[in-house]
Amino acid sequence: MDANYEAIRREAHDAMAELLERANLRPGALVVVGCSSSEIMGSNIGKGSTPEAAEAVYEAIAPLLAERGLYLAAQCCEHLNRALIIERAAAEKFGYEPVCVIPQPKAGGSFATAAWGHMADPVAVERVRAAAGLDIGSTLIGMHLREVAVPLRLAVKRVGEAPVTAARTRPKLIGGRRAVYPESV
């Protein structure tokens, strides 16, 4: 891998590490990642898919998730209606019904294709409710987060040329002004 892909790997690693540190997720949680390899490489989303850039991102973030016992949900592109690639074990745990498709770089995206290629038993699902998420290249992951998303401003602002945004989620605050909430929310 040339120096450009090493920088992509480092930036993706640092962004995910900060997200995981700040999101304070429990083992077994689901983390959605949207990633435009086109945007990383300086092209418009969907116009310059680069499998090598997607591989660099996957290789940077997957170990961080695995060491914390977290599941990855790799968001596909709009051509697959933003379906997600997850491990079958996660689909079964959360009750997500698999759909029949295998992502490709031009129909699903390079990142989802990389995830499919690396996961032990991948399946595609139409939607998830993730506890946190990382969006590399404005892929619009919000539809796959739990209802109360809390934006996180990360120190890493870009992976390659792609803007980076992140969010964690929290439970809804209910009960009105008499209610008492835990400090950790």
Protein backbone atom coordinates (compact mmCIF):
# COMPACT_ATOMS: atom_id res chain seq x y z
CA MET A 1 0.00 0.00 0.00
CA ASP A 2 1.40 3.40 -0.89
CA ALA A 3 1.69 6.31 1.53
CA ASN A 4 -1.72 7.71 0.49
CA TYR A 5 -3.51 4.54 1.60
CA GLU A 6 -1.49 4.48 4.80
CA ALA A 7 -2.73 8.00 5.58
CA ILE A 8 -6.31 6.87 4.85
CA ARG A 9 -5.84 3.90 7.16
CA ARG A 10 -4.43 6.11 9.95
CA GLU A 11 -7.20 8.72 9.63
CA ALA A 12 -9.96 6.08 9.63
CA HIS A 13 -8.38 4.34 12.62
CA ASP A 14 -8.11 7.58 14.58
CA ALA A 15 -11.69 8.62 13.77
CA MET A 16 -13.12 5.25 14.85
CA ALA A 17 -10.94 5.11 17.97
CA GLU A 18 -12.19 8.52 19.07
CA LEU A 19 -15.82 7.62 18.30
CA LEU A 20 -15.55 4.43 20.36
CA GLU A 21 -13.86 6.24 23.25
CA ARG A 22 -16.55 8.92 23.37
CA ALA A 23 -19.59 6.73 22.62
CA ASN A 24 -18.94 4.38 25.56
CA LEU A 25 -20.65 1.40 23.92
CA ARG A 26 -21.34 -1.92 25.58
CA PRO A 27 -20.02 -5.11 23.99
CA GLY A 28 -22.49 -6.50 21.48
CA ALA A 29 -23.62 -3.06 20.24
CA LEU A 30 -23.94 -2.27 16.57
CA VAL A 31 -21.89 0.50 14.90
CA VAL A 32 -22.93 1.69 11.44
CA VAL A 33 -20.27 2.94 9.03
CA GLY A 34 -21.00 4.69 5.78
CA CYS A 35 -17.96 5.17 3.60
CA SER A 36 -17.60 6.69 0.15
CA SER A 37 -14.30 5.61 -1.34
CA SER A 38 -15.02 8.08 -4.16
CA GLU A 39 -15.12 10.99 -1.70
CA ILE A 40 -11.99 9.72 0.06
CA MET A 41 -10.14 9.90 -3.24
CA GLY A 42 -11.48 13.39 -4.07
CA SER A 43 -14.29 12.44 -6.49
CA ASN A 44 -18.00 13.00 -6.08
CA ILE A 45 -19.84 10.26 -4.21
CA GLY A 46 -20.53 7.32 -6.52
CA LYS A 47 -18.26 8.58 -9.29
CA GLY A 48 -14.84 7.12 -8.48
CA SER A 49 -15.20 3.94 -6.45
CA THR A 50 -11.80 2.83 -5.21
CA PRO A 51 -11.69 -0.65 -3.65
CA GLU A 52 -8.19 -0.06 -2.26
CA ALA A 53 -9.34 2.97 -0.25
CA ALA A 54 -12.33 1.01 1.07
CA GLU A 55 -10.04 -1.87 2.05
CA ALA A 56 -7.77 0.57 3.89
CA VAL A 57 -10.74 1.90 5.90
CA TYR A 58 -12.09 -1.58 6.65
CA GLU A 59 -8.68 -2.86 7.76
CA ALA A 60 -8.27 0.18 10.03
CA ILE A 61 -11.62 0.01 11.80
CA ALA A 62 -12.53 -3.69 11.95
CA PRO A 63 -9.91 -4.60 14.60
CA LEU A 64 -11.05 -1.72 16.82
CA LEU A 65 -14.63 -2.97 16.72
CA ALA A 66 -13.62 -6.61 17.21
CA GLU A 67 -11.45 -5.94 20.26
CA ARG A 68 -14.43 -4.26 21.94
CA GLY A 69 -16.91 -6.98 20.95
CA LEU A 70 -18.88 -4.63 18.69
CA TYR A 71 -20.65 -5.46 15.43
CA LEU A 72 -20.04 -3.53 12.21
CA ALA A 73 -22.95 -2.56 9.96
CA ALA A 74 -21.41 -1.48 6.63
CA GLN A 75 -23.85 0.74 4.79
CA CYS A 76 -24.30 0.11 1.07
CA CYS A 77 -24.75 2.88 -1.45
CA GLU A 78 -28.05 4.18 -2.77
CA HIS A 79 -28.17 1.57 -5.55
CA LEU A 80 -28.92 -1.01 -2.85
CA ASN A 81 -31.22 1.42 -0.98
CA ARG A 82 -28.58 1.88 1.74
CA ALA A 83 -28.93 -1.74 2.87
CA LEU A 84 -26.29 -2.89 5.34
CA ILE A 85 -23.81 -5.74 5.48
CA ILE A 86 -23.57 -7.35 8.92
CA GLU A 87 -22.52 -10.66 10.39
CA ARG A 88 -25.31 -13.24 10.42
CA ALA A 89 -24.85 -13.51 14.21
CA ALA A 90 -25.71 -9.79 14.55
CA ALA A 91 -28.77 -10.18 12.31
CA GLU A 92 -29.96 -13.05 14.48
CA LYS A 93 -29.19 -11.23 17.74
CA PHE A 94 -31.13 -8.12 16.74
CA GLY A 95 -33.88 -9.87 14.78
CA TYR A 96 -33.00 -8.37 11.39
CA GLU A 97 -34.26 -10.31 8.39
CA PRO A 98 -31.60 -10.92 5.72
CA VAL A 99 -32.29 -9.90 2.13
CA CYS A 100 -30.75 -11.47 -0.96
CA VAL A 101 -27.95 -9.38 -2.48
CA ILE A 102 -24.16 -9.36 -2.59
CA PRO A 103 -22.64 -5.87 -2.83
CA GLN A 104 -20.31 -4.93 -5.67
CA PRO A 105 -18.19 -1.78 -6.02
CA LYS A 106 -20.71 -0.18 -8.44
CA ALA A 107 -23.83 -1.62 -6.78
CA GLY A 108 -23.45 -1.46 -3.04
CA GLY A 109 -20.14 0.34 -2.88
CA SER A 110 -16.52 -0.59 -2.33
CA PHE A 111 -16.75 -0.40 1.47
CA ALA A 112 -19.74 -2.76 1.71
CA THR A 113 -17.98 -5.04 -0.78
CA ALA A 114 -14.86 -5.05 1.41
CA ALA A 115 -16.93 -5.84 4.50
CA TRP A 116 -18.67 -8.70 2.69
CA GLY A 117 -15.30 -10.10 1.69
CA HIS A 118 -13.85 -9.99 5.20
CA MET A 119 -16.79 -10.99 7.39
CA ALA A 120 -17.06 -14.60 8.55
CA ASP A 121 -20.74 -15.04 7.60
CA PRO A 122 -22.08 -11.83 6.04
CA VAL A 123 -25.68 -11.05 5.23
CA ALA A 124 -27.44 -7.97 3.90
CA VAL A 125 -30.29 -6.40 5.84
CA GLU A 126 -32.51 -3.45 4.92
CA ARG A 127 -32.25 -1.48 8.15
CA VAL A 128 -30.66 -1.42 11.57
CA ARG A 129 -30.88 0.75 14.69
CA ALA A 130 -27.22 1.27 15.54
CA ALA A 131 -25.89 2.64 18.82
CA ALA A 132 -23.27 4.81 17.09
CA GLY A 133 -22.00 5.59 13.65
CA LEU A 134 -19.18 6.97 11.54
CA ASP A 135 -19.94 8.66 8.23
CA ILE A 136 -17.00 9.06 5.86
CA GLY A 137 -17.96 11.10 2.83
CA SER A 138 -21.49 12.29 3.64
CA THR A 139 -23.21 8.95 3.01
CA LEU A 140 -26.12 9.85 5.32
CA ILE A 141 -26.05 7.13 7.97
CA GLY A 142 -28.68 8.81 10.16
CA MET A 143 -31.45 6.54 8.91
CA HIS A 144 -29.64 3.64 10.58
CA LEU A 145 -29.11 5.18 14.03
CA ARG A 146 -31.39 4.90 17.02
CA GLU A 147 -33.89 7.74 17.38
CA VAL A 148 -31.93 10.12 19.60
CA ALA A 149 -28.63 10.73 17.82
CA VAL A 150 -26.03 12.96 19.49
CA PRO A 151 -23.51 14.47 17.05
CA LEU A 152 -19.86 14.12 18.01
CA ARG A 153 -17.23 16.55 16.79
CA LEU A 154 -14.14 14.44 16.23
CA ALA A 155 -10.57 15.65 16.02
CA VAL A 156 -10.30 13.83 12.67
CA LYS A 157 -12.20 15.99 10.18
CA ARG A 158 -11.34 14.05 6.99
CA VAL A 159 -10.34 10.63 5.77
CA GLY A 160 -8.48 11.35 2.58
CA GLU A 161 -10.58 14.07 0.97
CA ALA A 162 -13.87 12.89 2.54
CA PRO A 163 -15.50 14.82 5.39
CA VAL A 164 -16.06 12.79 8.57
CA THR A 165 -19.04 13.04 10.90
CA ALA A 166 -19.93 10.82 13.83
CA ALA A 167 -22.73 10.26 16.28
CA ARG A 168 -23.59 8.27 19.35
CA THR A 169 -27.12 7.65 20.52
CA ARG A 170 -28.82 7.85 23.87
CA PRO A 171 -32.13 6.66 25.28
CA LYS A 172 -35.05 9.08 25.08
CA LEU A 173 -35.48 11.29 28.14
CA ILE A 174 -39.06 10.85 29.34
CA GLY A 175 -41.06 11.87 32.38
CA GLY A 176 -41.02 15.66 32.42
CA ARG A 177 -39.47 17.98 34.97
CA ARG A 178 -39.97 15.64 37.94
CA ALA A 179 -37.96 12.89 36.30
CA VAL A 180 -34.41 12.02 37.34
CA TYR A 181 -31.89 10.89 34.75
CA PRO A 182 -28.58 9.05 35.15
CA GLU A 183 -25.46 11.22 34.80
CA SER A 184 -24.11 8.98 32.02
CA VAL A 185 -26.84 10.02 29.57
